[in-house]
Amino acid sequence: MAADPAQVAREVAACVLAAPPTLGSGRLVCVDGPAGSGKTTLAQAIVDVVPDADVVHCDDLLEGWGGLPGLAATVEALVRPLADGRPGEWRRWDWLADGWAETHIVRPGGLLVLEGVGSWSPAIADVVGLLVWVEAESGLRLTRGIARDGEAMRGHWLRFRIEEDRLFAEHRTRARADRIVATD
């Protein structure tokens, strides 16, 4: 049975907010797992519970479909200043223009929800308050992705799934998760 995102969000928020800060005076939740598993839905549910939380979607940090290998360094560059009590910043990838767009600032001291494939890595493990792994059956994930992005993106999706599998095996993300959530 699929988990209720609102209930999981309440549990995640209660857990991370009750724990000592890990990101300077703030807190960090990573919502990771394979594409199409329901990470964005859960991240939004967390923000609904903690309205002043900041959410960064890692899809916005990828340099296109081939950007997954460089994501860990980009995420680390965002969170390290926050860990030092300074604002973090990130630049959004414009998927339609196929290039970098505007820069966004994240204020220190609050709850930051990083959501997306590869949002967690060993490079930032020391500042993550909670790692949530979201999963669903492979065929369902692909169906969800194609429904969202269109049939023309199937080839990209299939290649991306190989890259994410490689990344998850290298980082052992699921095994390191504090919470595993099934959405199928």
C-alpha atoms as a PDB file:
ATOM      1  CA  MET A   1       0.000   0.000   0.000  1.00  0.00           C
ATOM      2  CA  ALA A   2       1.287   3.450  -0.898  1.00  0.00           C
ATOM      3  CA  ALA A   3       2.281   5.773   1.894  1.00  0.00           C
ATOM      4  CA  ASP A   4       0.156   8.865   2.552  1.00  0.00           C
ATOM      5  CA  PRO A   5       2.435  11.837   1.679  1.00  0.00           C
ATOM      6  CA  ALA A   6       0.772  14.130   4.230  1.00  0.00           C
ATOM      7  CA  GLN A   7       1.274  11.632   7.058  1.00  0.00           C
ATOM      8  CA  VAL A   8       4.885  10.923   6.045  1.00  0.00           C
ATOM      9  CA  ALA A   9       5.520  14.671   5.815  1.00  0.00           C
ATOM     10  CA  ARG A  10       4.217  15.238   9.345  1.00  0.00           C
ATOM     11  CA  GLU A  11       6.445  12.442  10.657  1.00  0.00           C
ATOM     12  CA  VAL A  12       9.515  13.703   8.767  1.00  0.00           C
ATOM     13  CA  ALA A  13       8.965  17.278   9.920  1.00  0.00           C
ATOM     14  CA  ALA A  14       8.458  16.247  13.549  1.00  0.00           C
ATOM     15  CA  CYS A  15      11.595  14.119  13.484  1.00  0.00           C
ATOM     16  CA  VAL A  16      13.920  16.642  11.880  1.00  0.00           C
ATOM     17  CA  LEU A  17      12.596  19.637  13.827  1.00  0.00           C
ATOM     18  CA  ALA A  18      12.950  17.787  17.157  1.00  0.00           C
ATOM     19  CA  ALA A  19      16.592  16.933  16.419  1.00  0.00           C
ATOM     20  CA  PRO A  20      19.517  19.308  16.875  1.00  0.00           C
ATOM     21  CA  PRO A  21      20.374  21.494  13.875  1.00  0.00           C
ATOM     22  CA  THR A  22      22.762  19.929  11.367  1.00  0.00           C
ATOM     23  CA  LEU A  23      23.098  22.712   8.803  1.00  0.00           C
ATOM     24  CA  GLY A  24      24.585  25.510  10.883  1.00  0.00           C
ATOM     25  CA  SER A  25      21.580  26.685  12.880  1.00  0.00           C
ATOM     26  CA  GLY A  26      19.271  25.128  10.283  1.00  0.00           C
ATOM     27  CA  ARG A  27      18.230  21.666   9.248  1.00  0.00           C
ATOM     28  CA  LEU A  28      18.442  19.671   6.035  1.00  0.00           C
ATOM     29  CA  VAL A  29      16.136  16.947   4.735  1.00  0.00           C
ATOM     30  CA  CYS A  30      17.090  15.118   1.536  1.00  0.00           C
ATOM     31  CA  VAL A  31      14.245  13.436  -0.332  1.00  0.00           C
ATOM     32  CA  ASP A  32      16.012  11.078  -2.733  1.00  0.00           C
ATOM     33  CA  GLY A  33      15.129   8.086  -4.859  1.00  0.00           C
ATOM     34  CA  PRO A  34      14.637   7.133  -8.483  1.00  0.00           C
ATOM     35  CA  ALA A  35      12.918   9.373 -11.022  1.00  0.00           C
ATOM     36  CA  GLY A  36       9.140   9.091 -10.986  1.00  0.00           C
ATOM     37  CA  SER A  37       8.943   7.694  -7.462  1.00  0.00           C
ATOM     38  CA  GLY A  38       7.063  10.609  -5.863  1.00  0.00           C
ATOM     39  CA  LYS A  39       9.822  12.742  -4.336  1.00  0.00           C
ATOM     40  CA  THR A  40       8.350  16.065  -5.475  1.00  0.00           C
ATOM     41  CA  THR A  41       4.955  15.188  -3.996  1.00  0.00           C
ATOM     42  CA  LEU A  42       6.546  14.348  -0.641  1.00  0.00           C
ATOM     43  CA  ALA A  43       8.717  17.482  -0.660  1.00  0.00           C
ATOM     44  CA  GLN A  44       5.632  19.626  -1.272  1.00  0.00           C
ATOM     45  CA  ALA A  45       3.834  17.855   1.567  1.00  0.00           C
ATOM     46  CA  ILE A  46       6.761  18.706   3.890  1.00  0.00           C
ATOM     47  CA  VAL A  47       6.558  22.359   2.859  1.00  0.00           C
ATOM     48  CA  ASP A  48       2.806  22.239   3.553  1.00  0.00           C
ATOM     49  CA  VAL A  49       3.644  21.128   7.121  1.00  0.00           C
ATOM     50  CA  VAL A  50       6.544  23.598   7.538  1.00  0.00           C
ATOM     51  CA  PRO A  51       5.460  26.583   5.412  1.00  0.00           C
ATOM     52  CA  ASP A  52       8.639  28.620   5.946  1.00  0.00           C
ATOM     53  CA  ALA A  53      10.842  25.762   4.697  1.00  0.00           C
ATOM     54  CA  ASP A  54      12.851  26.255   1.535  1.00  0.00           C
ATOM     55  CA  VAL A  55      12.696  23.550  -1.123  1.00  0.00           C
ATOM     56  CA  VAL A  56      15.243  23.094  -3.873  1.00  0.00           C
ATOM     57  CA  HIS A  57      14.392  20.679  -6.667  1.00  0.00           C
ATOM     58  CA  CYS A  58      17.540  18.985  -7.896  1.00  0.00           C
ATOM     59  CA  ASP A  59      16.065  18.804 -11.416  1.00  0.00           C
ATOM     60  CA  ASP A  60      16.744  22.558 -11.426  1.00  0.00           C
ATOM     61  CA  LEU A  61      20.408  21.949 -10.555  1.00  0.00           C
ATOM     62  CA  LEU A  62      21.131  19.397 -13.291  1.00  0.00           C
ATOM     63  CA  GLU A  63      22.915  20.598 -16.390  1.00  0.00           C
ATOM     64  CA  GLY A  64      20.419  18.830 -18.625  1.00  0.00           C
ATOM     65  CA  TRP A  65      19.805  15.100 -18.947  1.00  0.00           C
ATOM     66  CA  GLY A  66      23.530  14.351 -18.603  1.00  0.00           C
ATOM     67  CA  GLY A  67      24.059  16.472 -15.492  1.00  0.00           C
ATOM     68  CA  LEU A  68      23.692  13.830 -12.793  1.00  0.00           C
ATOM     69  CA  PRO A  69      27.447  13.119 -12.375  1.00  0.00           C
ATOM     70  CA  GLY A  70      28.107  16.763 -11.434  1.00  0.00           C
ATOM     71  CA  LEU A  71      25.160  17.152  -9.081  1.00  0.00           C
ATOM     72  CA  ALA A  72      26.927  16.200  -5.824  1.00  0.00           C
ATOM     73  CA  ALA A  73      29.441  19.032  -6.221  1.00  0.00           C
ATOM     74  CA  THR A  74      26.644  21.503  -7.028  1.00  0.00           C
ATOM     75  CA  VAL A  75      24.646  20.463  -3.960  1.00  0.00           C
ATOM     76  CA  GLU A  76      27.731  20.650  -1.771  1.00  0.00           C
ATOM     77  CA  ALA A  77      28.430  24.182  -3.031  1.00  0.00           C
ATOM     78  CA  LEU A  78      24.877  25.122  -2.007  1.00  0.00           C
ATOM     79  CA  VAL A  79      24.878  23.619   1.498  1.00  0.00           C
ATOM     80  CA  ARG A  80      28.414  24.323   2.771  1.00  0.00           C
ATOM     81  CA  PRO A  81      27.854  28.088   3.143  1.00  0.00           C
ATOM     82  CA  LEU A  82      24.576  27.332   4.958  1.00  0.00           C
ATOM     83  CA  ALA A  83      26.487  25.060   7.343  1.00  0.00           C
ATOM     84  CA  ASP A  84      28.741  28.039   8.063  1.00  0.00           C
ATOM     85  CA  GLY A  85      25.759  30.325   8.736  1.00  0.00           C
ATOM     86  CA  ARG A  86      25.982  32.135   5.404  1.00  0.00           C
ATOM     87  CA  PRO A  87      23.421  32.241   2.582  1.00  0.00           C
ATOM     88  CA  GLY A  88      23.676  29.492  -0.005  1.00  0.00           C
ATOM     89  CA  GLU A  89      22.964  29.976  -3.649  1.00  0.00           C
ATOM     90  CA  TRP A  90      22.106  27.907  -6.680  1.00  0.00           C
ATOM     91  CA  ARG A  91      21.540  28.551 -10.344  1.00  0.00           C
ATOM     92  CA  ARG A  92      18.524  27.142 -12.155  1.00  0.00           C
ATOM     93  CA  TRP A  93      18.914  25.060 -15.302  1.00  0.00           C
ATOM     94  CA  ASP A  94      16.397  26.171 -17.934  1.00  0.00           C
ATOM     95  CA  TRP A  95      15.376  22.936 -19.633  1.00  0.00           C
ATOM     96  CA  LEU A  96      13.612  24.720 -22.510  1.00  0.00           C
ATOM     97  CA  ALA A  97      16.477  27.122 -23.264  1.00  0.00           C
ATOM     98  CA  ASP A  98      19.075  24.391 -22.571  1.00  0.00           C
ATOM     99  CA  GLY A  99      21.188  26.707 -20.445  1.00  0.00           C
ATOM    100  CA  TRP A 100      21.700  28.243 -17.032  1.00  0.00           C
ATOM    101  CA  ALA A 101      19.189  30.849 -15.884  1.00  0.00           C
ATOM    102  CA  GLU A 102      18.748  32.964 -12.756  1.00  0.00           C
ATOM    103  CA  THR A 103      20.462  32.513  -9.398  1.00  0.00           C
ATOM    104  CA  HIS A 104      18.479  31.821  -6.221  1.00  0.00           C
ATOM    105  CA  ILE A 105      19.516  32.528  -2.632  1.00  0.00           C
ATOM    106  CA  VAL A 106      18.718  30.226   0.309  1.00  0.00           C
ATOM    107  CA  ARG A 107      18.732  31.859   3.716  1.00  0.00           C
ATOM    108  CA  PRO A 108      20.607  30.161   6.543  1.00  0.00           C
ATOM    109  CA  GLY A 109      18.904  28.919   9.680  1.00  0.00           C
ATOM    110  CA  GLY A 110      15.686  27.389   8.402  1.00  0.00           C
ATOM    111  CA  LEU A 111      14.599  24.022   7.126  1.00  0.00           C
ATOM    112  CA  LEU A 112      15.944  23.183   3.684  1.00  0.00           C
ATOM    113  CA  VAL A 113      14.339  20.341   1.748  1.00  0.00           C
ATOM    114  CA  LEU A 114      16.528  19.080  -1.099  1.00  0.00           C
ATOM    115  CA  GLU A 115      14.405  16.974  -3.403  1.00  0.00           C
ATOM    116  CA  GLY A 116      15.443  14.899  -6.367  1.00  0.00           C
ATOM    117  CA  VAL A 117      17.564  12.116  -7.759  1.00  0.00           C
ATOM    118  CA  GLY A 118      20.999  12.508  -6.181  1.00  0.00           C
ATOM    119  CA  SER A 119      19.967  15.109  -3.600  1.00  0.00           C
ATOM    120  CA  TRP A 120      21.945  13.140  -0.999  1.00  0.00           C
ATOM    121  CA  SER A 121      25.593  12.213  -1.368  1.00  0.00           C
ATOM    122  CA  PRO A 122      28.377  11.158   0.986  1.00  0.00           C
ATOM    123  CA  ALA A 123      29.897  14.626   0.479  1.00  0.00           C
ATOM    124  CA  ILE A 124      27.090  16.227   2.505  1.00  0.00           C
ATOM    125  CA  ALA A 125      26.207  13.361   4.850  1.00  0.00           C
ATOM    126  CA  ASP A 126      27.588  15.272   7.849  1.00  0.00           C
ATOM    127  CA  VAL A 127      25.006  18.085   7.466  1.00  0.00           C
ATOM    128  CA  VAL A 128      21.920  16.025   6.572  1.00  0.00           C
ATOM    129  CA  GLY A 129      19.393  15.771   9.381  1.00  0.00           C
ATOM    130  CA  LEU A 130      17.237  13.194   7.637  1.00  0.00           C
ATOM    131  CA  LEU A 131      17.522  11.205   4.416  1.00  0.00           C
ATOM    132  CA  VAL A 132      14.207   9.961   3.034  1.00  0.00           C
ATOM    133  CA  TRP A 133      14.322   7.393   0.227  1.00  0.00           C
ATOM    134  CA  VAL A 134      11.192   7.343  -1.946  1.00  0.00           C
ATOM    135  CA  GLU A 135      10.590   4.340  -4.192  1.00  0.00           C
ATOM    136  CA  ALA A 136       8.062   2.785  -6.535  1.00  0.00           C
ATOM    137  CA  GLU A 137       8.046  -0.107  -8.980  1.00  0.00           C
ATOM    138  CA  SER A 138      10.169   0.557 -12.079  1.00  0.00           C
ATOM    139  CA  GLY A 139       7.370   0.332 -14.652  1.00  0.00           C
ATOM    140  CA  LEU A 140       5.158   2.687 -12.654  1.00  0.00           C
ATOM    141  CA  ARG A 141       7.981   5.216 -12.349  1.00  0.00           C
ATOM    142  CA  LEU A 142       8.557   5.181 -16.100  1.00  0.00           C
ATOM    143  CA  THR A 143       4.823   5.543 -16.756  1.00  0.00           C
ATOM    144  CA  ARG A 144       4.667   8.539 -14.405  1.00  0.00           C
ATOM    145  CA  GLY A 145       7.677  10.164 -16.060  1.00  0.00           C
ATOM    146  CA  ILE A 146       6.400   9.728 -19.604  1.00  0.00           C
ATOM    147  CA  ALA A 147       2.959  11.008 -18.550  1.00  0.00           C
ATOM    148  CA  ARG A 148       4.608  14.145 -17.155  1.00  0.00           C
ATOM    149  CA  ASP A 149       7.269  14.768 -19.815  1.00  0.00           C
ATOM    150  CA  GLY A 150       5.760  13.207 -22.946  1.00  0.00           C
ATOM    151  CA  GLU A 151       6.556  10.211 -25.118  1.00  0.00           C
ATOM    152  CA  ALA A 152       9.283  12.163 -26.939  1.00  0.00           C
ATOM    153  CA  MET A 153      11.345  12.061 -23.722  1.00  0.00           C
ATOM    154  CA  ARG A 154      11.332   8.239 -23.391  1.00  0.00           C
ATOM    155  CA  GLY A 155      14.915   7.867 -24.668  1.00  0.00           C
ATOM    156  CA  HIS A 156      16.161  10.458 -22.179  1.00  0.00           C
ATOM    157  CA  TRP A 157      14.292   8.723 -19.379  1.00  0.00           C
ATOM    158  CA  LEU A 158      15.770   5.337 -20.246  1.00  0.00           C
ATOM    159  CA  ARG A 159      19.339   6.707 -20.312  1.00  0.00           C
ATOM    160  CA  PHE A 160      18.780   8.695 -17.119  1.00  0.00           C
ATOM    161  CA  ARG A 161      17.595   5.559 -15.306  1.00  0.00           C
ATOM    162  CA  ILE A 162      20.938   3.903 -16.068  1.00  0.00           C
ATOM    163  CA  GLU A 163      22.799   6.933 -14.671  1.00  0.00           C
ATOM    164  CA  GLU A 164      20.675   7.073 -11.524  1.00  0.00           C
ATOM    165  CA  ASP A 165      21.147   3.344 -10.910  1.00  0.00           C
ATOM    166  CA  ARG A 166      24.908   3.853 -11.179  1.00  0.00           C
ATOM    167  CA  LEU A 167      24.805   6.816  -8.778  1.00  0.00           C
ATOM    168  CA  PHE A 168      22.636   5.027  -6.212  1.00  0.00           C
ATOM    169  CA  ALA A 169      24.891   1.962  -6.287  1.00  0.00           C
ATOM    170  CA  GLU A 170      27.996   4.118  -5.829  1.00  0.00           C
ATOM    171  CA  HIS A 171      26.509   6.162  -2.964  1.00  0.00           C
ATOM    172  CA  ARG A 172      24.486   3.288  -1.472  1.00  0.00           C
ATOM    173  CA  THR A 173      21.750   5.853  -0.938  1.00  0.00           C
ATOM    174  CA  ARG A 174      18.884   3.514  -0.079  1.00  0.00           C
ATOM    175  CA  ALA A 175      20.975   1.646   2.490  1.00  0.00           C
ATOM    176  CA  ARG A 176      21.864   4.939   4.194  1.00  0.00           C
ATOM    177  CA  ALA A 177      18.290   6.249   4.317  1.00  0.00           C
ATOM    178  CA  ASP A 178      16.707   7.110   7.650  1.00  0.00           C
ATOM    179  CA  ARG A 179      13.248   6.485   6.236  1.00  0.00           C
ATOM    180  CA  ILE A 180      12.053   4.456   3.222  1.00  0.00           C
ATOM    181  CA  VAL A 181       8.733   5.409   1.640  1.00  0.00           C
ATOM    182  CA  ALA A 182       6.952   3.314  -0.981  1.00  0.00           C
ATOM    183  CA  THR A 183       4.521   5.142  -3.268  1.00  0.00           C
ATOM    184  CA  ASP A 184       3.129   2.243  -5.307  1.00  0.00           C
END
